Amino acid sequence: LKRKQQRMINGNKIIRTEKKPVTFLTGMMVTIALLILFYFYTIHCTWVTSIAYSSPSIVLAAVNGDGSKTVFDDFREAYQWLKFN
């Protein structure tokens, strides 16, 4: 790959700048990697939201890493005082 050289005249000084193809390639790789990460983050957020809104309840369920389910009924227990009033 050839390096392009440009001359810029600033007052009496001549400044040479070079465009390096490696920096362009690195920038493109970083941009593509960020786009892929953003895509997977969007898929993850959509999945989590669909799980959260699929069962609107004050009793929440979650799946552990080993596949077992955990039920959170803290909200239900907190409202037990309504039964007595």
C-alpha atoms as a PDB file:
ATOM      1  CA  LEU A   1       0.000   0.000   0.000  1.00  0.00           C
ATOM      2  CA  LYS A   2       1.244   3.431  -0.900  1.00  0.00           C
ATOM      3  CA  ARG A   3       1.334   6.234   1.570  1.00  0.00           C
ATOM      4  CA  LYS A   4      -0.246   9.444   0.402  1.00  0.00           C
ATOM      5  CA  GLN A   5       1.619  12.603   1.232  1.00  0.00           C
ATOM      6  CA  GLN A   6       0.071  16.036   1.327  1.00  0.00           C
ATOM      7  CA  ARG A   7       1.805  19.346   1.681  1.00  0.00           C
ATOM      8  CA  MET A   8       0.227  22.010   3.765  1.00  0.00           C
ATOM      9  CA  ILE A   9       1.689  25.493   3.815  1.00  0.00           C
ATOM     10  CA  ASN A  10       1.338  27.219   7.185  1.00  0.00           C
ATOM     11  CA  GLY A  11       3.075  30.555   6.993  1.00  0.00           C
ATOM     12  CA  ASN A  12       6.619  29.752   5.819  1.00  0.00           C
ATOM     13  CA  LYS A  13       6.617  26.181   7.099  1.00  0.00           C
ATOM     14  CA  ILE A  14       5.773  23.123   5.015  1.00  0.00           C
ATOM     15  CA  ILE A  15       4.118  20.385   7.023  1.00  0.00           C
ATOM     16  CA  ARG A  16       3.841  16.872   5.622  1.00  0.00           C
ATOM     17  CA  THR A  17       1.056  14.649   6.781  1.00  0.00           C
ATOM     18  CA  GLU A  18       0.695  10.992   5.902  1.00  0.00           C
ATOM     19  CA  LYS A  19      -2.452   8.898   5.811  1.00  0.00           C
ATOM     20  CA  LYS A  20      -1.708   5.459   7.141  1.00  0.00           C
ATOM     21  CA  PRO A  21      -3.912   2.616   5.933  1.00  0.00           C
ATOM     22  CA  VAL A  22      -3.374   0.780   9.214  1.00  0.00           C
ATOM     23  CA  THR A  23      -5.220   3.469  11.183  1.00  0.00           C
ATOM     24  CA  PHE A  24      -8.161   3.340   8.763  1.00  0.00           C
ATOM     25  CA  LEU A  25      -8.335  -0.448   9.043  1.00  0.00           C
ATOM     26  CA  THR A  26      -8.139  -0.280  12.832  1.00  0.00           C
ATOM     27  CA  GLY A  27     -10.903   2.310  12.937  1.00  0.00           C
ATOM     28  CA  MET A  28     -13.128   0.186  10.721  1.00  0.00           C
ATOM     29  CA  MET A  29     -12.515  -2.906  12.868  1.00  0.00           C
ATOM     30  CA  VAL A  30     -13.373  -1.023  16.072  1.00  0.00           C
ATOM     31  CA  THR A  31     -16.510   0.424  14.464  1.00  0.00           C
ATOM     32  CA  ILE A  32     -17.675  -2.991  13.263  1.00  0.00           C
ATOM     33  CA  ALA A  33     -16.954  -4.560  16.660  1.00  0.00           C
ATOM     34  CA  LEU A  34     -18.983  -1.854  18.424  1.00  0.00           C
ATOM     35  CA  LEU A  35     -21.883  -2.328  16.006  1.00  0.00           C
ATOM     36  CA  ILE A  36     -21.887  -6.080  16.642  1.00  0.00           C
ATOM     37  CA  LEU A  37     -21.823  -5.510  20.423  1.00  0.00           C
ATOM     38  CA  PHE A  38     -24.695  -3.018  20.125  1.00  0.00           C
ATOM     39  CA  TYR A  39     -26.696  -5.536  18.081  1.00  0.00           C
ATOM     40  CA  PHE A  40     -26.282  -8.288  20.688  1.00  0.00           C
ATOM     41  CA  TYR A  41     -27.043  -5.840  23.513  1.00  0.00           C
ATOM     42  CA  THR A  42     -30.303  -4.907  21.761  1.00  0.00           C
ATOM     43  CA  ILE A  43     -31.233  -8.586  21.375  1.00  0.00           C
ATOM     44  CA  HIS A  44     -30.460  -9.177  25.070  1.00  0.00           C
ATOM     45  CA  CYS A  45     -32.543  -6.196  26.214  1.00  0.00           C
ATOM     46  CA  THR A  46     -35.464  -7.301  24.054  1.00  0.00           C
ATOM     47  CA  TRP A  47     -35.315 -10.814  25.508  1.00  0.00           C
ATOM     48  CA  VAL A  48     -35.138  -9.600  29.118  1.00  0.00           C
ATOM     49  CA  THR A  49     -38.023  -7.195  28.548  1.00  0.00           C
ATOM     50  CA  SER A  50     -40.172  -9.905  26.978  1.00  0.00           C
ATOM     51  CA  ILE A  51     -39.567 -12.148  29.989  1.00  0.00           C
ATOM     52  CA  ALA A  52     -40.384  -9.344  32.423  1.00  0.00           C
ATOM     53  CA  TYR A  53     -43.612  -8.289  30.693  1.00  0.00           C
ATOM     54  CA  SER A  54     -44.853 -11.776  29.867  1.00  0.00           C
ATOM     55  CA  SER A  55     -45.996 -12.416  33.430  1.00  0.00           C
ATOM     56  CA  PRO A  56     -47.152  -9.194  35.077  1.00  0.00           C
ATOM     57  CA  SER A  57     -47.448 -10.217  38.679  1.00  0.00           C
ATOM     58  CA  ILE A  58     -46.238  -9.198  42.093  1.00  0.00           C
ATOM     59  CA  VAL A  59     -44.664 -12.639  42.394  1.00  0.00           C
ATOM     60  CA  LEU A  60     -41.521 -12.815  40.294  1.00  0.00           C
ATOM     61  CA  ALA A  61     -39.759 -15.952  39.102  1.00  0.00           C
ATOM     62  CA  ALA A  62     -36.167 -16.319  37.943  1.00  0.00           C
ATOM     63  CA  VAL A  63     -34.115 -19.161  36.520  1.00  0.00           C
ATOM     64  CA  ASN A  64     -30.828 -19.958  38.247  1.00  0.00           C
ATOM     65  CA  GLY A  65     -27.656 -20.969  36.462  1.00  0.00           C
ATOM     66  CA  ASP A  66     -28.313 -24.650  37.138  1.00  0.00           C
ATOM     67  CA  GLY A  67     -31.839 -24.477  35.665  1.00  0.00           C
ATOM     68  CA  SER A  68     -33.807 -24.413  38.891  1.00  0.00           C
ATOM     69  CA  LYS A  69     -36.403 -21.703  39.510  1.00  0.00           C
ATOM     70  CA  THR A  70     -36.425 -19.187  42.329  1.00  0.00           C
ATOM     71  CA  VAL A  71     -39.651 -17.403  43.284  1.00  0.00           C
ATOM     72  CA  PHE A  72     -39.520 -13.917  44.770  1.00  0.00           C
ATOM     73  CA  ASP A  73     -42.716 -13.206  46.683  1.00  0.00           C
ATOM     74  CA  ASP A  74     -41.449 -10.310  48.780  1.00  0.00           C
ATOM     75  CA  PHE A  75     -44.060  -7.966  47.319  1.00  0.00           C
ATOM     76  CA  ARG A  76     -46.891 -10.378  48.148  1.00  0.00           C
ATOM     77  CA  GLU A  77     -45.638 -10.781  51.695  1.00  0.00           C
ATOM     78  CA  ALA A  78     -45.291  -7.025  52.100  1.00  0.00           C
ATOM     79  CA  TYR A  79     -48.996  -6.570  51.319  1.00  0.00           C
ATOM     80  CA  GLN A  80     -50.209  -9.176  53.825  1.00  0.00           C
ATOM     81  CA  TRP A  81     -51.141  -6.359  56.186  1.00  0.00           C
ATOM     82  CA  LEU A  82     -53.985  -5.439  53.790  1.00  0.00           C
ATOM     83  CA  LYS A  83     -55.732  -8.683  54.703  1.00  0.00           C
ATOM     84  CA  PHE A  84     -56.042  -7.568  58.308  1.00  0.00           C
ATOM     85  CA  ASN A  85     -57.367  -4.052  57.602  1.00  0.00           C
END
